[in-house]
Amino acid sequence: MTLKLEWTAAADDALYEILDYISDRTMKAALDLAHAIRGCLYPSLEFPNLFAEGVEPGTREIVAHPNYIVVYEFDDTTLRVLDVRHARRKFPPDHS
């Protein structure tokens, strides 16, 4: 069974912030990264346990690019993208 893909608002915002920053320098790099990030999710729709357990309980992490990690969770029907972050950024974000 293939899971439905859902992006949280926070993950969507994070992705567009990253792509906006990169596109200011080179549009091709931003497009390539967008394809890499979105494309890395397809295997997990069929095999959601394929990728490593995340730092937070119940999450999984995909290294979509050497510098970018996609954090997701899933249930019986849906794979939810929680965050797209630079490899050096902490997850979950510290809002203190």
N, C-alpha and C. Protein backbone atom coordinates (compact mmCIF):
# COMPACT_ATOMS: atom_id res chain seq x y z
N MET A 1 0.84 -1.18 0.00
CA MET A 1 0.00 0.00 0.00
C MET A 1 0.88 1.25 0.00
N THR A 2 0.57 2.17 -0.86
CA THR A 2 1.31 3.42 -0.95
C THR A 2 0.68 4.46 -0.04
N LEU A 3 1.52 5.09 0.76
CA LEU A 3 1.05 6.13 1.67
C LEU A 3 0.81 7.44 0.91
N LYS A 4 -0.10 8.22 1.46
CA LYS A 4 -0.35 9.56 0.93
C LYS A 4 0.73 10.48 1.48
N LEU A 5 1.25 11.37 0.65
CA LEU A 5 2.29 12.32 1.05
C LEU A 5 1.65 13.63 1.48
N GLU A 6 2.03 14.10 2.66
CA GLU A 6 1.50 15.35 3.18
C GLU A 6 2.66 16.18 3.73
N TRP A 7 2.70 17.44 3.36
CA TRP A 7 3.71 18.36 3.88
C TRP A 7 3.07 19.23 4.94
N THR A 8 3.70 19.34 6.11
CA THR A 8 3.21 20.28 7.11
C THR A 8 3.56 21.69 6.63
N ALA A 9 2.86 22.67 7.16
CA ALA A 9 3.14 24.06 6.80
C ALA A 9 4.58 24.42 7.16
N ALA A 10 5.05 23.93 8.30
CA ALA A 10 6.41 24.23 8.73
C ALA A 10 7.44 23.65 7.75
N ALA A 11 7.23 22.42 7.30
CA ALA A 11 8.15 21.80 6.36
C ALA A 11 8.13 22.52 5.01
N ASP A 12 6.95 22.87 4.56
CA ASP A 12 6.80 23.60 3.31
C ASP A 12 7.52 24.94 3.39
N ASP A 13 7.33 25.65 4.49
CA ASP A 13 8.00 26.94 4.69
C ASP A 13 9.51 26.77 4.72
N ALA A 14 9.98 25.74 5.40
CA ALA A 14 11.42 25.50 5.50
C ALA A 14 12.02 25.22 4.12
N LEU A 15 11.33 24.40 3.33
CA LEU A 15 11.82 24.09 1.99
C LEU A 15 11.89 25.35 1.13
N TYR A 16 10.84 26.14 1.14
CA TYR A 16 10.84 27.34 0.31
C TYR A 16 11.85 28.37 0.78
N GLU A 17 12.11 28.43 2.07
CA GLU A 17 13.13 29.34 2.59
C GLU A 17 14.51 28.92 2.08
N ILE A 18 14.79 27.62 2.12
CA ILE A 18 16.06 27.09 1.62
C ILE A 18 16.20 27.37 0.13
N LEU A 19 15.15 27.06 -0.62
CA LEU A 19 15.22 27.24 -2.07
C LEU A 19 15.33 28.71 -2.46
N ASP A 20 14.65 29.57 -1.72
CA ASP A 20 14.74 31.00 -1.99
C ASP A 20 16.16 31.50 -1.78
N TYR A 21 16.77 31.07 -0.69
CA TYR A 21 18.16 31.46 -0.40
C TYR A 21 19.10 30.99 -1.51
N ILE A 22 18.96 29.74 -1.92
CA ILE A 22 19.85 29.19 -2.95
C ILE A 22 19.58 29.82 -4.31
N SER A 23 18.31 30.08 -4.62
CA SER A 23 17.98 30.64 -5.94
C SER A 23 18.52 32.06 -6.11
N ASP A 24 18.77 32.76 -5.00
CA ASP A 24 19.40 34.08 -5.10
C ASP A 24 20.81 33.98 -5.66
N ARG A 25 21.42 32.82 -5.52
CA ARG A 25 22.77 32.59 -6.01
C ARG A 25 22.77 31.89 -7.37
N THR A 26 21.97 30.81 -7.47
CA THR A 26 21.87 30.09 -8.75
C THR A 26 20.55 29.32 -8.81
N MET A 27 19.77 29.61 -9.80
CA MET A 27 18.47 28.98 -9.96
C MET A 27 18.62 27.49 -10.24
N LYS A 28 19.62 27.10 -11.04
CA LYS A 28 19.79 25.68 -11.36
C LYS A 28 20.04 24.86 -10.09
N ALA A 29 20.87 25.35 -9.20
CA ALA A 29 21.15 24.63 -7.95
C ALA A 29 19.88 24.51 -7.11
N ALA A 30 19.06 25.55 -7.08
CA ALA A 30 17.81 25.51 -6.32
C ALA A 30 16.86 24.47 -6.92
N LEU A 31 16.75 24.44 -8.24
CA LEU A 31 15.88 23.46 -8.90
C LEU A 31 16.38 22.03 -8.68
N ASP A 32 17.68 21.85 -8.78
CA ASP A 32 18.26 20.52 -8.55
C ASP A 32 17.99 20.04 -7.12
N LEU A 33 18.14 20.95 -6.16
CA LEU A 33 17.89 20.59 -4.77
C LEU A 33 16.41 20.29 -4.54
N ALA A 34 15.53 21.07 -5.13
CA ALA A 34 14.09 20.82 -5.00
C ALA A 34 13.74 19.43 -5.51
N HIS A 35 14.31 19.06 -6.67
CA HIS A 35 14.06 17.72 -7.23
C HIS A 35 14.63 16.63 -6.32
N ALA A 36 15.82 16.85 -5.78
CA ALA A 36 16.44 15.86 -4.90
C ALA A 36 15.61 15.66 -3.64
N ILE A 37 15.15 16.75 -3.05
CA ILE A 37 14.38 16.65 -1.81
C ILE A 37 13.03 16.00 -2.05
N ARG A 38 12.33 16.44 -3.05
CA ARG A 38 11.01 15.85 -3.31
C ARG A 38 11.15 14.40 -3.79
N GLY A 39 12.15 14.14 -4.60
CA GLY A 39 12.36 12.79 -5.14
C GLY A 39 12.76 11.76 -4.10
N CYS A 40 13.48 12.19 -3.07
CA CYS A 40 13.94 11.24 -2.06
C CYS A 40 12.79 10.64 -1.26
N LEU A 41 11.64 11.28 -1.30
CA LEU A 41 10.50 10.81 -0.51
C LEU A 41 9.76 9.63 -1.14
N TYR A 42 9.86 9.47 -2.45
CA TYR A 42 9.05 8.44 -3.11
C TYR A 42 9.28 7.02 -2.60
N PRO A 43 10.52 6.59 -2.37
CA PRO A 43 10.69 5.23 -1.83
C PRO A 43 10.02 5.05 -0.46
N SER A 44 10.01 6.11 0.34
CA SER A 44 9.43 6.01 1.68
C SER A 44 7.92 5.89 1.65
N LEU A 45 7.29 6.27 0.55
CA LEU A 45 5.83 6.11 0.44
C LEU A 45 5.45 4.64 0.36
N GLU A 46 6.32 3.83 -0.20
CA GLU A 46 6.11 2.38 -0.27
C GLU A 46 6.72 1.66 0.93
N PHE A 47 7.87 2.16 1.38
CA PHE A 47 8.62 1.53 2.47
C PHE A 47 8.98 2.58 3.51
N PRO A 48 8.04 2.99 4.34
CA PRO A 48 8.27 4.11 5.26
C PRO A 48 9.35 3.86 6.31
N ASN A 49 9.67 2.61 6.58
CA ASN A 49 10.73 2.30 7.55
C ASN A 49 12.11 2.19 6.91
N LEU A 50 12.19 2.50 5.63
CA LEU A 50 13.43 2.34 4.88
C LEU A 50 14.55 3.21 5.44
N PHE A 51 14.22 4.40 5.89
CA PHE A 51 15.25 5.35 6.32
C PHE A 51 15.46 5.31 7.83
N ALA A 52 16.54 5.90 8.27
CA ALA A 52 16.97 5.84 9.66
C ALA A 52 15.98 6.50 10.61
N GLU A 53 15.92 5.96 11.82
CA GLU A 53 15.11 6.58 12.86
C GLU A 53 15.66 7.97 13.13
N GLY A 54 14.74 8.89 13.39
CA GLY A 54 15.14 10.27 13.63
C GLY A 54 15.55 10.52 15.07
N VAL A 55 16.00 11.71 15.31
CA VAL A 55 16.40 12.14 16.65
C VAL A 55 15.19 12.16 17.58
N GLU A 56 14.06 12.64 17.09
CA GLU A 56 12.83 12.67 17.87
C GLU A 56 12.11 11.33 17.74
N PRO A 57 11.56 10.80 18.83
CA PRO A 57 10.84 9.53 18.75
C PRO A 57 9.70 9.58 17.72
N GLY A 58 9.58 8.51 16.96
CA GLY A 58 8.51 8.41 15.98
C GLY A 58 8.81 9.07 14.65
N THR A 59 10.02 9.61 14.49
CA THR A 59 10.36 10.24 13.22
C THR A 59 11.40 9.42 12.48
N ARG A 60 11.53 9.70 11.21
CA ARG A 60 12.55 9.12 10.35
C ARG A 60 13.25 10.26 9.64
N GLU A 61 14.48 10.03 9.20
CA GLU A 61 15.25 11.07 8.53
C GLU A 61 15.87 10.54 7.25
N ILE A 62 15.80 11.37 6.23
CA ILE A 62 16.40 11.05 4.93
C ILE A 62 17.47 12.11 4.65
N VAL A 63 18.66 11.67 4.33
CA VAL A 63 19.68 12.59 3.86
C VAL A 63 19.41 12.77 2.37
N ALA A 64 18.72 13.87 2.06
CA ALA A 64 18.30 14.13 0.68
C ALA A 64 19.44 14.69 -0.16
N HIS A 65 20.40 15.27 0.51
CA HIS A 65 21.55 15.92 -0.10
C HIS A 65 22.57 16.00 1.04
N PRO A 66 23.84 16.02 0.75
CA PRO A 66 24.80 16.05 1.86
C PRO A 66 24.54 17.13 2.91
N ASN A 67 23.91 18.23 2.50
CA ASN A 67 23.66 19.32 3.45
C ASN A 67 22.22 19.40 3.95
N TYR A 68 21.31 18.57 3.43
CA TYR A 68 19.90 18.73 3.77
C TYR A 68 19.25 17.41 4.17
N ILE A 69 18.48 17.48 5.25
CA ILE A 69 17.81 16.31 5.81
C ILE A 69 16.31 16.55 5.83
N VAL A 70 15.56 15.54 5.42
CA VAL A 70 14.10 15.58 5.47
C VAL A 70 13.65 14.74 6.66
N VAL A 71 12.85 15.33 7.52
CA VAL A 71 12.33 14.65 8.71
C VAL A 71 10.86 14.35 8.48
N TYR A 72 10.46 13.09 8.72
CA TYR A 72 9.06 12.74 8.51
C TYR A 72 8.57 11.77 9.57
N GLU A 73 7.26 11.64 9.64
CA GLU A 73 6.59 10.62 10.45
C GLU A 73 5.53 10.00 9.58
N PHE A 74 5.00 8.85 10.01
CA PHE A 74 3.97 8.21 9.21
C PHE A 74 3.03 7.41 10.09
N ASP A 75 1.84 7.18 9.54
CA ASP A 75 0.88 6.27 10.17
C ASP A 75 0.41 5.30 9.09
N ASP A 76 -0.71 4.67 9.28
CA ASP A 76 -1.18 3.65 8.34
C ASP A 76 -1.53 4.20 6.96
N THR A 77 -1.80 5.48 6.85
CA THR A 77 -2.26 6.02 5.57
C THR A 77 -1.42 7.17 5.03
N THR A 78 -0.69 7.85 5.89
CA THR A 78 -0.06 9.11 5.49
C THR A 78 1.39 9.22 5.95
N LEU A 79 2.23 9.72 5.06
CA LEU A 79 3.58 10.09 5.41
C LEU A 79 3.60 11.62 5.49
N ARG A 80 3.94 12.15 6.66
CA ARG A 80 3.92 13.58 6.92
C ARG A 80 5.33 14.12 6.99
N VAL A 81 5.68 15.05 6.09
CA VAL A 81 6.98 15.70 6.14
C VAL A 81 6.90 16.79 7.21
N LEU A 82 7.77 16.69 8.21
CA LEU A 82 7.75 17.61 9.34
C LEU A 82 8.73 18.76 9.19
N ASP A 83 9.85 18.49 8.53
CA ASP A 83 10.88 19.53 8.42
C ASP A 83 11.84 19.19 7.30
N VAL A 84 12.41 20.22 6.73
CA VAL A 84 13.56 20.11 5.83
C VAL A 84 14.58 21.04 6.45
N ARG A 85 15.73 20.50 6.78
CA ARG A 85 16.68 21.32 7.51
C ARG A 85 18.09 21.11 7.01
N HIS A 86 18.90 22.11 7.24
CA HIS A 86 20.32 21.99 6.95
C HIS A 86 20.89 20.98 7.94
N ALA A 87 21.83 20.21 7.54
CA ALA A 87 22.40 19.15 8.38
C ALA A 87 22.97 19.70 9.68
N ARG A 88 23.35 20.95 9.71
CA ARG A 88 23.91 21.54 10.93
C ARG A 88 22.85 22.10 11.87
N ARG A 89 21.60 22.18 11.41
CA ARG A 89 20.54 22.74 12.24
C ARG A 89 19.93 21.68 13.13
N LYS A 90 19.60 22.04 14.33
CA LYS A 90 19.03 21.12 15.32
C LYS A 90 17.55 20.86 15.02
N PHE A 91 17.10 19.61 15.23
CA PHE A 91 15.68 19.29 15.15
C PHE A 91 15.28 18.60 16.44
N PRO A 92 14.19 18.93 17.04
CA PRO A 92 13.31 20.03 16.64
C PRO A 92 13.96 21.37 16.98
N PRO A 93 13.52 22.42 16.31
CA PRO A 93 14.10 23.74 16.58
C PRO A 93 13.91 24.12 18.04
N ASP A 94 14.90 24.77 18.58
CA ASP A 94 14.83 25.25 19.98
C ASP A 94 14.26 26.65 19.96
N HIS A 95 13.05 26.80 20.48
CA HIS A 95 12.37 28.10 20.46
C HIS A 95 12.51 28.85 21.78
N SER A 96 13.49 28.49 22.59
CA SER A 96 13.62 29.17 23.88
C SER A 96 14.41 30.45 23.77
